Amino acid sequence: MSDLDFAILGAGAIGSILGAHLVRAGHRVAMLARGARADALELHGLTIRGLADIETPVHAVRDPSALKRAHTLIVATKTPGTAEALAALRHAEFDVTLSIQNGPLKNELLAQAFGPGRVLGALADTSGELLPGGEVLFTRNVNILIGELDGSETARARDLARTIDASGVRAASTRAIVTLEWSKFCGWVGLMALSVTTRTETWKYLTDPDAALILVRLVREVGALAATLGIPLSDQAILPAASLCSLPESAAVAIIVKAGHEMRATAPQHRMSSLQDLLAGRPLEVNETLGYALERAVQLRLELPMLECFRHLVAGIDRARRAPPP
């Protein structure tokens, strides 16, 4: 298969949302999927509900070796197994690649597979949920940010962001993508850890002062790692990482509690995708996110005790949830 504008690796919620919008906008798109999800795409195409109402056929690719070329590869899978999935695509030609996965490891894996010159940084402040019937509920459409990892401004980053934005999924280019990716990662680590351990809607642990304190301390530890790597943080993220790391602890906790009350009013049913994965028995993104950060900290001789604790706790919860019955 060739002459594609987009190849999207992963047909879960966000991959499906992007694929459906790009197909509707007239772009040539292939969804790389397998198993029951590939069956559903072949039979019914993509169906999006919620913030958009789209039903469209789409090319489904089961065998990665059948994909020869596409202008843009978007990686939208969960992080476990990413290296193996990219290895199966090394033969294909892509002008540019990007990943909207969680954590900084994603960019390193893309560079190893296709060369650093073909990699753009990206993050998604966009949410959806793959429903049991195969439809995708589109619940949050804030922004997909795209940029060069060296901080330069290029036409390819601007054009790609404009193309996605014009399709109906909000997107923009930025020169600060590394700062923004790490700022998001700081907040995501705390949110992921609390969602899995409390197993509640997001607003509930955000408004609890004890849970909020734990979240703040996790954000600060990952922020310390970013600082050691020389990466500045920003408040333009899912949580205001720069402020959470710089303000007195009590003020940072107050920010989290306030955010929880706002979420209770605007999105009371919101659940982190990590909690969705846990309840569905899908593997959690532990080693490639919390584990990656902890490994970098060890290399830098930086002690992050809260992160180390939750890395082991979340990994244990993941294994226990998926363990077969006796």
C-alpha atoms as a PDB file:
ATOM      1  CA  MET A   1       0.000   0.000   0.000  1.00  0.00           C
ATOM      2  CA  SER A   2       1.459   3.372  -1.060  1.00  0.00           C
ATOM      3  CA  ASP A   3       0.498   6.972  -1.873  1.00  0.00           C
ATOM      4  CA  LEU A   4      -0.912   7.540   1.601  1.00  0.00           C
ATOM      5  CA  ASP A   5      -1.065  10.877   3.330  1.00  0.00           C
ATOM      6  CA  PHE A   6      -1.273   9.369   6.815  1.00  0.00           C
ATOM      7  CA  ALA A   7      -0.549   6.004   8.398  1.00  0.00           C
ATOM      8  CA  ILE A   8      -1.895   5.799  11.947  1.00  0.00           C
ATOM      9  CA  LEU A   9      -0.432   3.106  14.159  1.00  0.00           C
ATOM     10  CA  GLY A  10      -3.117   2.255  16.668  1.00  0.00           C
ATOM     11  CA  ALA A  11      -6.892   2.368  16.225  1.00  0.00           C
ATOM     12  CA  GLY A  12      -7.857   3.105  19.796  1.00  0.00           C
ATOM     13  CA  ALA A  13      -9.695   6.238  20.845  1.00  0.00           C
ATOM     14  CA  ILE A  14      -7.297   9.006  19.767  1.00  0.00           C
ATOM     15  CA  GLY A  15      -6.017   7.194  16.680  1.00  0.00           C
ATOM     16  CA  SER A  16      -9.585   6.599  15.529  1.00  0.00           C
ATOM     17  CA  ILE A  17     -10.599  10.213  16.179  1.00  0.00           C
ATOM     18  CA  LEU A  18      -7.687  11.481  14.112  1.00  0.00           C
ATOM     19  CA  GLY A  19      -8.231   8.914  11.356  1.00  0.00           C
ATOM     20  CA  ALA A  20     -11.935   9.635  11.001  1.00  0.00           C
ATOM     21  CA  HIS A  21     -11.449  13.399  10.834  1.00  0.00           C
ATOM     22  CA  LEU A  22      -8.611  13.143   8.313  1.00  0.00           C
ATOM     23  CA  VAL A  23     -10.596  10.763   6.086  1.00  0.00           C
ATOM     24  CA  ARG A  24     -13.601  13.073   6.223  1.00  0.00           C
ATOM     25  CA  ALA A  25     -11.346  15.957   5.182  1.00  0.00           C
ATOM     26  CA  GLY A  26     -10.310  14.037   2.054  1.00  0.00           C
ATOM     27  CA  HIS A  27      -6.934  12.645   3.086  1.00  0.00           C
ATOM     28  CA  ARG A  28      -5.732   9.151   2.245  1.00  0.00           C
ATOM     29  CA  VAL A  29      -5.448   7.323   5.546  1.00  0.00           C
ATOM     30  CA  ALA A  30      -4.526   3.803   6.628  1.00  0.00           C
ATOM     31  CA  MET A  31      -5.154   2.515  10.142  1.00  0.00           C
ATOM     32  CA  LEU A  32      -2.703  -0.127  11.348  1.00  0.00           C
ATOM     33  CA  ALA A  33      -4.684  -2.448  13.596  1.00  0.00           C
ATOM     34  CA  ARG A  34      -5.016  -6.105  14.435  1.00  0.00           C
ATOM     35  CA  GLY A  35      -7.399  -8.681  15.842  1.00  0.00           C
ATOM     36  CA  ALA A  36     -10.969  -7.747  16.619  1.00  0.00           C
ATOM     37  CA  ARG A  37     -10.305  -4.045  16.096  1.00  0.00           C
ATOM     38  CA  ALA A  38      -9.094  -4.684  12.545  1.00  0.00           C
ATOM     39  CA  ASP A  39     -12.206  -6.836  11.938  1.00  0.00           C
ATOM     40  CA  ALA A  40     -14.430  -3.980  13.085  1.00  0.00           C
ATOM     41  CA  LEU A  41     -12.674  -1.433  10.882  1.00  0.00           C
ATOM     42  CA  GLU A  42     -12.986  -3.659   7.831  1.00  0.00           C
ATOM     43  CA  LEU A  43     -16.683  -4.312   8.442  1.00  0.00           C
ATOM     44  CA  HIS A  44     -17.900  -0.985   9.772  1.00  0.00           C
ATOM     45  CA  GLY A  45     -15.162   1.601   9.316  1.00  0.00           C
ATOM     46  CA  LEU A  46     -14.726   4.336  11.908  1.00  0.00           C
ATOM     47  CA  THR A  47     -17.606   5.679  13.976  1.00  0.00           C
ATOM     48  CA  ILE A  48     -17.135   8.753  16.160  1.00  0.00           C
ATOM     49  CA  ARG A  49     -19.739  10.153  18.536  1.00  0.00           C
ATOM     50  CA  GLY A  50     -19.758  12.935  21.103  1.00  0.00           C
ATOM     51  CA  LEU A  51     -17.990  16.101  19.965  1.00  0.00           C
ATOM     52  CA  ALA A  52     -18.229  14.879  16.364  1.00  0.00           C
ATOM     53  CA  ASP A  53     -20.596  12.621  14.464  1.00  0.00           C
ATOM     54  CA  ILE A  54     -18.638  10.706  11.815  1.00  0.00           C
ATOM     55  CA  GLU A  55     -19.169   7.378  10.107  1.00  0.00           C
ATOM     56  CA  THR A  56     -16.629   6.591   7.417  1.00  0.00           C
ATOM     57  CA  PRO A  57     -14.933   3.621   5.795  1.00  0.00           C
ATOM     58  CA  VAL A  58     -11.167   3.466   6.244  1.00  0.00           C
ATOM     59  CA  HIS A  59      -8.284   1.337   5.004  1.00  0.00           C
ATOM     60  CA  ALA A  60      -7.304  -1.150   7.695  1.00  0.00           C
ATOM     61  CA  VAL A  61      -3.807  -2.655   7.526  1.00  0.00           C
ATOM     62  CA  ARG A  62      -3.257  -5.847   9.514  1.00  0.00           C
ATOM     63  CA  ASP A  63       0.199  -6.731   8.191  1.00  0.00           C
ATOM     64  CA  PRO A  64       2.773  -3.930   8.671  1.00  0.00           C
ATOM     65  CA  SER A  65       4.839  -5.315   5.783  1.00  0.00           C
ATOM     66  CA  ALA A  66       2.013  -4.317   3.415  1.00  0.00           C
ATOM     67  CA  LEU A  67       2.597  -0.646   4.205  1.00  0.00           C
ATOM     68  CA  LYS A  68       5.256   0.735   1.852  1.00  0.00           C
ATOM     69  CA  ARG A  69       5.028   4.508   2.132  1.00  0.00           C
ATOM     70  CA  ALA A  70       3.103   7.353   3.699  1.00  0.00           C
ATOM     71  CA  HIS A  71       3.877  11.014   4.090  1.00  0.00           C
ATOM     72  CA  THR A  72       3.202  11.012   7.854  1.00  0.00           C
ATOM     73  CA  LEU A  73       3.256   8.264  10.458  1.00  0.00           C
ATOM     74  CA  ILE A  74       1.278   9.011  13.624  1.00  0.00           C
ATOM     75  CA  VAL A  75       1.853   6.634  16.531  1.00  0.00           C
ATOM     76  CA  ALA A  76      -1.259   6.464  18.701  1.00  0.00           C
ATOM     77  CA  THR A  77      -0.887   3.121  20.459  1.00  0.00           C
ATOM     78  CA  LYS A  78      -0.375   2.563  24.153  1.00  0.00           C
ATOM     79  CA  THR A  79       3.323   2.584  24.979  1.00  0.00           C
ATOM     80  CA  PRO A  80       3.853  -1.158  25.749  1.00  0.00           C
ATOM     81  CA  GLY A  81       5.278  -2.890  22.699  1.00  0.00           C
ATOM     82  CA  THR A  82       6.096   0.314  20.802  1.00  0.00           C
ATOM     83  CA  ALA A  83       9.672  -0.671  19.945  1.00  0.00           C
ATOM     84  CA  GLU A  84       8.493  -3.949  18.413  1.00  0.00           C
ATOM     85  CA  ALA A  85       5.680  -2.237  16.479  1.00  0.00           C
ATOM     86  CA  LEU A  86       8.086   0.328  15.018  1.00  0.00           C
ATOM     87  CA  ALA A  87      10.611  -2.357  14.123  1.00  0.00           C
ATOM     88  CA  ALA A  88       7.946  -3.962  11.914  1.00  0.00           C
ATOM     89  CA  LEU A  89       7.674  -0.659  10.005  1.00  0.00           C
ATOM     90  CA  ARG A  90      11.366   0.047   9.431  1.00  0.00           C
ATOM     91  CA  HIS A  91      11.046  -0.969   5.787  1.00  0.00           C
ATOM     92  CA  ALA A  92       8.434   1.706   5.072  1.00  0.00           C
ATOM     93  CA  GLU A  93       9.222   5.232   3.886  1.00  0.00           C
ATOM     94  CA  PHE A  94       7.883   8.169   5.900  1.00  0.00           C
ATOM     95  CA  ASP A  95       8.676  11.813   5.378  1.00  0.00           C
ATOM     96  CA  VAL A  96       7.847  12.641   8.963  1.00  0.00           C
ATOM     97  CA  THR A  97       6.894  10.689  12.074  1.00  0.00           C
ATOM     98  CA  LEU A  98       5.382  11.728  15.394  1.00  0.00           C
ATOM     99  CA  SER A  99       3.888  10.092  18.438  1.00  0.00           C
ATOM    100  CA  ILE A 100       1.071  11.292  20.678  1.00  0.00           C
ATOM    101  CA  GLN A 101       1.857   8.655  23.292  1.00  0.00           C
ATOM    102  CA  ASN A 102       2.609   9.471  26.906  1.00  0.00           C
ATOM    103  CA  GLY A 103       6.151  10.147  28.061  1.00  0.00           C
ATOM    104  CA  PRO A 104       9.417  11.294  26.438  1.00  0.00           C
ATOM    105  CA  LEU A 105      10.597   7.785  25.476  1.00  0.00           C
ATOM    106  CA  LYS A 106       8.394   7.872  22.372  1.00  0.00           C
ATOM    107  CA  ASN A 107      10.636  10.355  20.556  1.00  0.00           C
ATOM    108  CA  GLU A 108      13.742   8.291  21.264  1.00  0.00           C
ATOM    109  CA  LEU A 109      12.092   5.163  19.848  1.00  0.00           C
ATOM    110  CA  LEU A 110      11.020   6.976  16.667  1.00  0.00           C
ATOM    111  CA  ALA A 111      14.531   8.345  16.180  1.00  0.00           C
ATOM    112  CA  GLN A 112      16.011   4.867  16.587  1.00  0.00           C
ATOM    113  CA  ALA A 113      13.592   3.418  14.029  1.00  0.00           C
ATOM    114  CA  PHE A 114      13.537   6.126  11.350  1.00  0.00           C
ATOM    115  CA  GLY A 115      16.315   8.588  12.134  1.00  0.00           C
ATOM    116  CA  PRO A 116      16.108  11.776  14.205  1.00  0.00           C
ATOM    117  CA  GLY A 117      15.619  13.965  11.136  1.00  0.00           C
ATOM    118  CA  ARG A 118      12.187  12.459  10.508  1.00  0.00           C
ATOM    119  CA  VAL A 119      10.865  12.936  14.050  1.00  0.00           C
ATOM    120  CA  LEU A 120       8.618  15.718  15.315  1.00  0.00           C
ATOM    121  CA  GLY A 121       7.628  16.148  18.931  1.00  0.00           C
ATOM    122  CA  ALA A 122       3.922  16.049  19.709  1.00  0.00           C
ATOM    123  CA  LEU A 123       1.467  15.910  22.563  1.00  0.00           C
ATOM    124  CA  ALA A 124      -2.294  15.549  22.663  1.00  0.00           C
ATOM    125  CA  ASP A 125      -4.639  17.316  25.042  1.00  0.00           C
ATOM    126  CA  THR A 126      -7.452  15.377  23.430  1.00  0.00           C
ATOM    127  CA  SER A 127      -9.595  12.651  24.934  1.00  0.00           C
ATOM    128  CA  GLY A 128     -11.910   9.875  23.867  1.00  0.00           C
ATOM    129  CA  GLU A 129     -12.995   6.407  24.868  1.00  0.00           C
ATOM    130  CA  LEU A 130     -13.287   3.291  22.733  1.00  0.00           C
ATOM    131  CA  LEU A 131     -16.669   1.827  23.603  1.00  0.00           C
ATOM    132  CA  PRO A 132     -17.417  -1.920  23.724  1.00  0.00           C
ATOM    133  CA  GLY A 133     -19.412  -1.735  20.481  1.00  0.00           C
ATOM    134  CA  GLY A 134     -16.477  -0.287  18.551  1.00  0.00           C
ATOM    135  CA  GLU A 135     -17.665   3.321  18.471  1.00  0.00           C
ATOM    136  CA  VAL A 136     -15.403   6.028  19.849  1.00  0.00           C
ATOM    137  CA  LEU A 137     -16.762   8.681  22.173  1.00  0.00           C
ATOM    138  CA  PHE A 138     -14.943  11.983  21.464  1.00  0.00           C
ATOM    139  CA  THR A 139     -14.972  13.889  24.776  1.00  0.00           C
ATOM    140  CA  ARG A 140     -12.195  16.488  24.749  1.00  0.00           C
ATOM    141  CA  ASN A 141     -10.851  18.560  21.866  1.00  0.00           C
ATOM    142  CA  VAL A 142      -8.367  21.092  23.253  1.00  0.00           C
ATOM    143  CA  ASN A 143      -5.158  20.818  21.239  1.00  0.00           C
ATOM    144  CA  ILE A 144      -2.582  18.618  19.583  1.00  0.00           C
ATOM    145  CA  LEU A 145       0.743  20.435  19.686  1.00  0.00           C
ATOM    146  CA  ILE A 146       3.490  19.662  17.171  1.00  0.00           C
ATOM    147  CA  GLY A 147       7.028  20.988  16.912  1.00  0.00           C
ATOM    148  CA  GLU A 148      10.665  20.389  16.104  1.00  0.00           C
ATOM    149  CA  LEU A 149      12.626  18.799  18.922  1.00  0.00           C
ATOM    150  CA  ASP A 150      15.484  21.280  18.429  1.00  0.00           C
ATOM    151  CA  GLY A 151      13.167  24.234  18.992  1.00  0.00           C
ATOM    152  CA  SER A 152      13.328  25.529  15.427  1.00  0.00           C
ATOM    153  CA  GLU A 153      10.311  26.689  13.446  1.00  0.00           C
ATOM    154  CA  THR A 154       9.706  24.769  10.222  1.00  0.00           C
ATOM    155  CA  ALA A 155       7.130  24.582   7.475  1.00  0.00           C
ATOM    156  CA  ARG A 156       6.623  20.855   7.989  1.00  0.00           C
ATOM    157  CA  ALA A 157       5.530  21.313  11.599  1.00  0.00           C
ATOM    158  CA  ARG A 158       3.262  24.264  10.722  1.00  0.00           C
ATOM    159  CA  ASP A 159       1.725  22.522   7.717  1.00  0.00           C
ATOM    160  CA  LEU A 160       1.040  19.297   9.577  1.00  0.00           C
ATOM    161  CA  ALA A 161      -0.608  21.132  12.468  1.00  0.00           C
ATOM    162  CA  ARG A 162      -2.736  23.159  10.067  1.00  0.00           C
ATOM    163  CA  THR A 163      -3.818  20.018   8.219  1.00  0.00           C
ATOM    164  CA  ILE A 164      -4.959  18.294  11.412  1.00  0.00           C
ATOM    165  CA  ASP A 165      -6.632  21.461  12.687  1.00  0.00           C
ATOM    166  CA  ALA A 166      -8.490  21.938   9.412  1.00  0.00           C
ATOM    167  CA  SER A 167      -9.846  18.397   9.699  1.00  0.00           C
ATOM    168  CA  GLY A 168     -11.642  19.297  12.952  1.00  0.00           C
ATOM    169  CA  VAL A 169      -9.181  18.089  15.596  1.00  0.00           C
ATOM    170  CA  ARG A 170      -7.651  21.190  17.111  1.00  0.00           C
ATOM    171  CA  ALA A 171      -3.901  21.415  16.542  1.00  0.00           C
ATOM    172  CA  ALA A 172      -1.127  24.004  16.490  1.00  0.00           C
ATOM    173  CA  SER A 173       2.624  24.145  16.005  1.00  0.00           C
ATOM    174  CA  THR A 174       5.023  25.297  18.706  1.00  0.00           C
ATOM    175  CA  ARG A 175       8.748  25.871  19.157  1.00  0.00           C
ATOM    176  CA  ALA A 176       8.514  24.794  22.809  1.00  0.00           C
ATOM    177  CA  ILE A 177       7.436  21.197  22.241  1.00  0.00           C
ATOM    178  CA  VAL A 178      10.092  19.637  24.521  1.00  0.00           C
ATOM    179  CA  THR A 179       9.127  21.932  27.404  1.00  0.00           C
ATOM    180  CA  LEU A 180       5.450  21.218  26.803  1.00  0.00           C
ATOM    181  CA  GLU A 181       5.935  17.450  26.499  1.00  0.00           C
ATOM    182  CA  TRP A 182       7.805  17.324  29.814  1.00  0.00           C
ATOM    183  CA  SER A 183       5.302  19.670  31.466  1.00  0.00           C
ATOM    184  CA  LYS A 184       2.505  17.356  30.427  1.00  0.00           C
ATOM    185  CA  PHE A 185       4.514  14.349  31.562  1.00  0.00           C
ATOM    186  CA  CYS A 186       4.972  15.826  35.054  1.00  0.00           C
ATOM    187  CA  GLY A 187       1.208  16.125  35.472  1.00  0.00           C
ATOM    188  CA  TRP A 188       0.416  12.865  33.715  1.00  0.00           C
ATOM    189  CA  VAL A 189       2.602  10.815  36.063  1.00  0.00           C
ATOM    190  CA  GLY A 190       0.700  12.110  39.088  1.00  0.00           C
ATOM    191  CA  LEU A 191      -2.699  11.720  37.478  1.00  0.00           C
ATOM    192  CA  MET A 192      -1.925   8.234  36.207  1.00  0.00           C
ATOM    193  CA  ALA A 193      -0.655   7.029  39.591  1.00  0.00           C
ATOM    194  CA  LEU A 194      -3.649   8.398  41.492  1.00  0.00           C
ATOM    195  CA  SER A 195      -6.187   7.155  38.946  1.00  0.00           C
ATOM    196  CA  VAL A 196      -4.907   3.587  39.166  1.00  0.00           C
ATOM    197  CA  THR A 197      -4.570   3.508  42.946  1.00  0.00           C
ATOM    198  CA  THR A 198      -7.905   5.199  43.759  1.00  0.00           C
ATOM    199  CA  ARG A 199      -9.886   3.785  40.801  1.00  0.00           C
ATOM    200  CA  THR A 200     -12.218   6.785  40.874  1.00  0.00           C
ATOM    201  CA  GLU A 201     -13.275   9.586  38.564  1.00  0.00           C
ATOM    202  CA  THR A 202     -10.572  12.219  38.231  1.00  0.00           C
ATOM    203  CA  TRP A 203     -12.264  15.003  40.200  1.00  0.00           C
ATOM    204  CA  LYS A 204     -12.591  12.836  43.293  1.00  0.00           C
ATOM    205  CA  TYR A 205      -8.878  12.446  43.982  1.00  0.00           C
ATOM    206  CA  LEU A 206      -8.073  15.961  42.805  1.00  0.00           C
ATOM    207  CA  THR A 207     -10.408  17.451  45.418  1.00  0.00           C
ATOM    208  CA  ASP A 208      -9.136  15.242  48.235  1.00  0.00           C
ATOM    209  CA  PRO A 209      -6.354  17.113  50.088  1.00  0.00           C
ATOM    210  CA  ASP A 210      -4.331  13.998  50.898  1.00  0.00           C
ATOM    211  CA  ALA A 211      -4.477  12.659  47.345  1.00  0.00           C
ATOM    212  CA  ALA A 212      -3.724  16.158  46.021  1.00  0.00           C
ATOM    213  CA  LEU A 213      -0.620  16.319  48.231  1.00  0.00           C
ATOM    214  CA  ILE A 214       0.660  13.016  46.843  1.00  0.00           C
ATOM    215  CA  LEU A 215       0.013  14.209  43.307  1.00  0.00           C
ATOM    216  CA  VAL A 216       1.920  17.455  43.927  1.00  0.00           C
ATOM    217  CA  ARG A 217       4.916  15.570  45.297  1.00  0.00           C
ATOM    218  CA  LEU A 218       4.966  13.261  42.272  1.00  0.00           C
ATOM    219  CA  VAL A 219       4.809  16.260  39.924  1.00  0.00           C
ATOM    220  CA  ARG A 220       7.708  17.865  41.802  1.00  0.00           C
ATOM    221  CA  GLU A 221       9.865  14.772  41.542  1.00  0.00           C
ATOM    222  CA  VAL A 222       9.420  14.512  37.782  1.00  0.00           C
ATOM    223  CA  GLY A 223       9.956  18.272  37.623  1.00  0.00           C
ATOM    224  CA  ALA A 224      13.271  17.798  39.425  1.00  0.00           C
ATOM    225  CA  LEU A 225      14.259  15.281  36.764  1.00  0.00           C
ATOM    226  CA  ALA A 226      13.362  17.750  34.007  1.00  0.00           C
ATOM    227  CA  ALA A 227      15.402  20.472  35.744  1.00  0.00           C
ATOM    228  CA  THR A 228      18.404  18.154  36.006  1.00  0.00           C
ATOM    229  CA  LEU A 229      18.101  17.497  32.263  1.00  0.00           C
ATOM    230  CA  GLY A 230      18.024  21.255  31.648  1.00  0.00           C
ATOM    231  CA  ILE A 231      14.408  21.298  30.461  1.00  0.00           C
ATOM    232  CA  PRO A 232      12.294  24.262  31.647  1.00  0.00           C
ATOM    233  CA  LEU A 233       8.666  23.663  32.567  1.00  0.00           C
ATOM    234  CA  SER A 234       5.508  25.529  31.625  1.00  0.00           C
ATOM    235  CA  ASP A 235       2.048  26.009  33.075  1.00  0.00           C
ATOM    236  CA  GLN A 236       0.550  25.342  29.618  1.00  0.00           C
ATOM    237  CA  ALA A 237      -0.165  21.682  30.317  1.00  0.00           C
ATOM    238  CA  ILE A 238      -2.849  19.436  31.772  1.00  0.00           C
ATOM    239  CA  LEU A 239      -1.650  20.679  35.162  1.00  0.00           C
ATOM    240  CA  PRO A 240       0.382  23.894  35.723  1.00  0.00           C
ATOM    241  CA  ALA A 241       3.671  22.056  36.181  1.00  0.00           C
ATOM    242  CA  ALA A 242       5.890  25.134  36.559  1.00  0.00           C
ATOM    243  CA  SER A 243       3.759  26.588  39.348  1.00  0.00           C
ATOM    244  CA  LEU A 244       3.298  23.234  41.079  1.00  0.00           C
ATOM    245  CA  CYS A 245       7.075  22.857  41.214  1.00  0.00           C
ATOM    246  CA  SER A 246       7.897  26.398  42.326  1.00  0.00           C
ATOM    247  CA  LEU A 247       5.147  27.477  44.726  1.00  0.00           C
ATOM    248  CA  PRO A 248       4.996  26.498  48.418  1.00  0.00           C
ATOM    249  CA  GLU A 249       3.559  23.016  48.803  1.00  0.00           C
ATOM    250  CA  SER A 250       0.331  24.247  50.417  1.00  0.00           C
ATOM    251  CA  ALA A 251      -0.300  26.622  47.509  1.00  0.00           C
ATOM    252  CA  ALA A 252       0.372  23.831  44.998  1.00  0.00           C
ATOM    253  CA  VAL A 253      -2.116  21.561  46.766  1.00  0.00           C
ATOM    254  CA  ALA A 254      -4.704  24.361  46.653  1.00  0.00           C
ATOM    255  CA  ILE A 255      -4.223  24.594  42.872  1.00  0.00           C
ATOM    256  CA  ILE A 256      -4.933  20.878  42.500  1.00  0.00           C
ATOM    257  CA  VAL A 257      -8.011  20.981  44.721  1.00  0.00           C
ATOM    258  CA  LYS A 258      -9.369  23.958  42.771  1.00  0.00           C
ATOM    259  CA  ALA A 259      -8.778  22.109  39.496  1.00  0.00           C
ATOM    260  CA  GLY A 260     -10.688  19.160  40.933  1.00  0.00           C
ATOM    261  CA  HIS A 261     -13.719  21.290  41.760  1.00  0.00           C
ATOM    262  CA  GLU A 262     -13.643  22.742  38.251  1.00  0.00           C
ATOM    263  CA  MET A 263     -13.496  19.256  36.765  1.00  0.00           C
ATOM    264  CA  ARG A 264     -16.372  18.128  38.958  1.00  0.00           C
ATOM    265  CA  ALA A 265     -18.465  20.918  37.467  1.00  0.00           C
ATOM    266  CA  THR A 266     -17.386  20.468  33.852  1.00  0.00           C
ATOM    267  CA  ALA A 267     -16.406  16.791  33.445  1.00  0.00           C
ATOM    268  CA  PRO A 268     -17.682  14.772  36.426  1.00  0.00           C
ATOM    269  CA  GLN A 269     -17.414  11.441  34.594  1.00  0.00           C
ATOM    270  CA  HIS A 270     -13.862  11.949  33.338  1.00  0.00           C
ATOM    271  CA  ARG A 271     -11.586   8.967  33.939  1.00  0.00           C
ATOM    272  CA  MET A 272      -7.954   8.753  32.972  1.00  0.00           C
ATOM    273  CA  SER A 273      -7.238   6.355  30.124  1.00  0.00           C
ATOM    274  CA  SER A 274      -4.985   4.465  32.534  1.00  0.00           C
ATOM    275  CA  LEU A 275      -8.002   3.694  34.709  1.00  0.00           C
ATOM    276  CA  GLN A 276      -9.985   2.659  31.642  1.00  0.00           C
ATOM    277  CA  ASP A 277      -7.142   0.294  30.715  1.00  0.00           C
ATOM    278  CA  LEU A 278      -6.950  -1.137  34.227  1.00  0.00           C
ATOM    279  CA  LEU A 279     -10.671  -1.872  34.424  1.00  0.00           C
ATOM    280  CA  ALA A 280     -10.634  -3.425  30.940  1.00  0.00           C
ATOM    281  CA  GLY A 281      -7.701  -5.685  31.791  1.00  0.00           C
ATOM    282  CA  ARG A 282      -5.337  -3.994  29.335  1.00  0.00           C
ATOM    283  CA  PRO A 283      -1.635  -3.587  30.214  1.00  0.00           C
ATOM    284  CA  LEU A 284      -0.753  -0.316  31.913  1.00  0.00           C
ATOM    285  CA  GLU A 285       1.909   2.072  30.672  1.00  0.00           C
ATOM    286  CA  VAL A 286       4.309   1.549  33.536  1.00  0.00           C
ATOM    287  CA  ASN A 287       7.791   0.664  32.302  1.00  0.00           C
ATOM    288  CA  GLU A 288       7.743   3.070  29.356  1.00  0.00           C
ATOM    289  CA  THR A 289       6.623   6.056  31.464  1.00  0.00           C
ATOM    290  CA  LEU A 290       7.203   5.825  35.215  1.00  0.00           C
ATOM    291  CA  GLY A 291       9.949   3.275  34.627  1.00  0.00           C
ATOM    292  CA  TYR A 292      11.618   5.425  31.983  1.00  0.00           C
ATOM    293  CA  ALA A 293      11.695   8.452  34.286  1.00  0.00           C
ATOM    294  CA  LEU A 294      13.095   6.377  37.136  1.00  0.00           C
ATOM    295  CA  GLU A 295      15.835   4.933  34.911  1.00  0.00           C
ATOM    296  CA  ARG A 296      16.869   8.425  33.809  1.00  0.00           C
ATOM    297  CA  ALA A 297      16.950   9.519  37.448  1.00  0.00           C
ATOM    298  CA  VAL A 298      19.193   6.587  38.379  1.00  0.00           C
ATOM    299  CA  GLN A 299      21.557   7.482  35.530  1.00  0.00           C
ATOM    300  CA  LEU A 300      21.743  11.028  36.885  1.00  0.00           C
ATOM    301  CA  ARG A 301      22.092   9.840  40.514  1.00  0.00           C
ATOM    302  CA  LEU A 302      18.873  11.619  41.362  1.00  0.00           C
ATOM    303  CA  GLU A 303      16.710  10.115  44.106  1.00  0.00           C
ATOM    304  CA  LEU A 304      12.946  10.162  43.442  1.00  0.00           C
ATOM    305  CA  PRO A 305      11.435   8.079  46.269  1.00  0.00           C
ATOM    306  CA  MET A 306       7.769   8.827  45.560  1.00  0.00           C
ATOM    307  CA  LEU A 307       8.168   7.919  41.907  1.00  0.00           C
ATOM    308  CA  GLU A 308      10.033   4.732  42.806  1.00  0.00           C
ATOM    309  CA  CYS A 309       7.275   3.738  45.226  1.00  0.00           C
ATOM    310  CA  PHE A 310       4.473   4.305  42.723  1.00  0.00           C
ATOM    311  CA  ARG A 311       6.362   2.650  39.885  1.00  0.00           C
ATOM    312  CA  HIS A 312       6.434  -0.588  41.905  1.00  0.00           C
ATOM    313  CA  LEU A 313       2.893  -0.151  43.259  1.00  0.00           C
ATOM    314  CA  VAL A 314       1.315   0.498  39.854  1.00  0.00           C
ATOM    315  CA  ALA A 315       3.258  -2.381  38.302  1.00  0.00           C
ATOM    316  CA  GLY A 316       1.983  -4.677  41.054  1.00  0.00           C
ATOM    317  CA  ILE A 317      -1.610  -3.502  40.587  1.00  0.00           C
ATOM    318  CA  ASP A 318      -1.260  -4.078  36.839  1.00  0.00           C
ATOM    319  CA  ARG A 319      -0.076  -7.658  37.281  1.00  0.00           C
ATOM    320  CA  ALA A 320      -2.656  -8.446  39.952  1.00  0.00           C
ATOM    321  CA  ARG A 321      -5.525  -7.138  37.819  1.00  0.00           C
ATOM    322  CA  ARG A 322      -4.493  -9.209  34.808  1.00  0.00           C
ATOM    323  CA  ALA A 323      -3.523 -12.384  36.676  1.00  0.00           C
ATOM    324  CA  PRO A 324      -5.531 -15.438  35.560  1.00  0.00           C
ATOM    325  CA  PRO A 325      -7.973 -16.937  38.094  1.00  0.00           C
ATOM    326  CA  PRO A 326      -6.707 -19.929  40.112  1.00  0.00           C
END
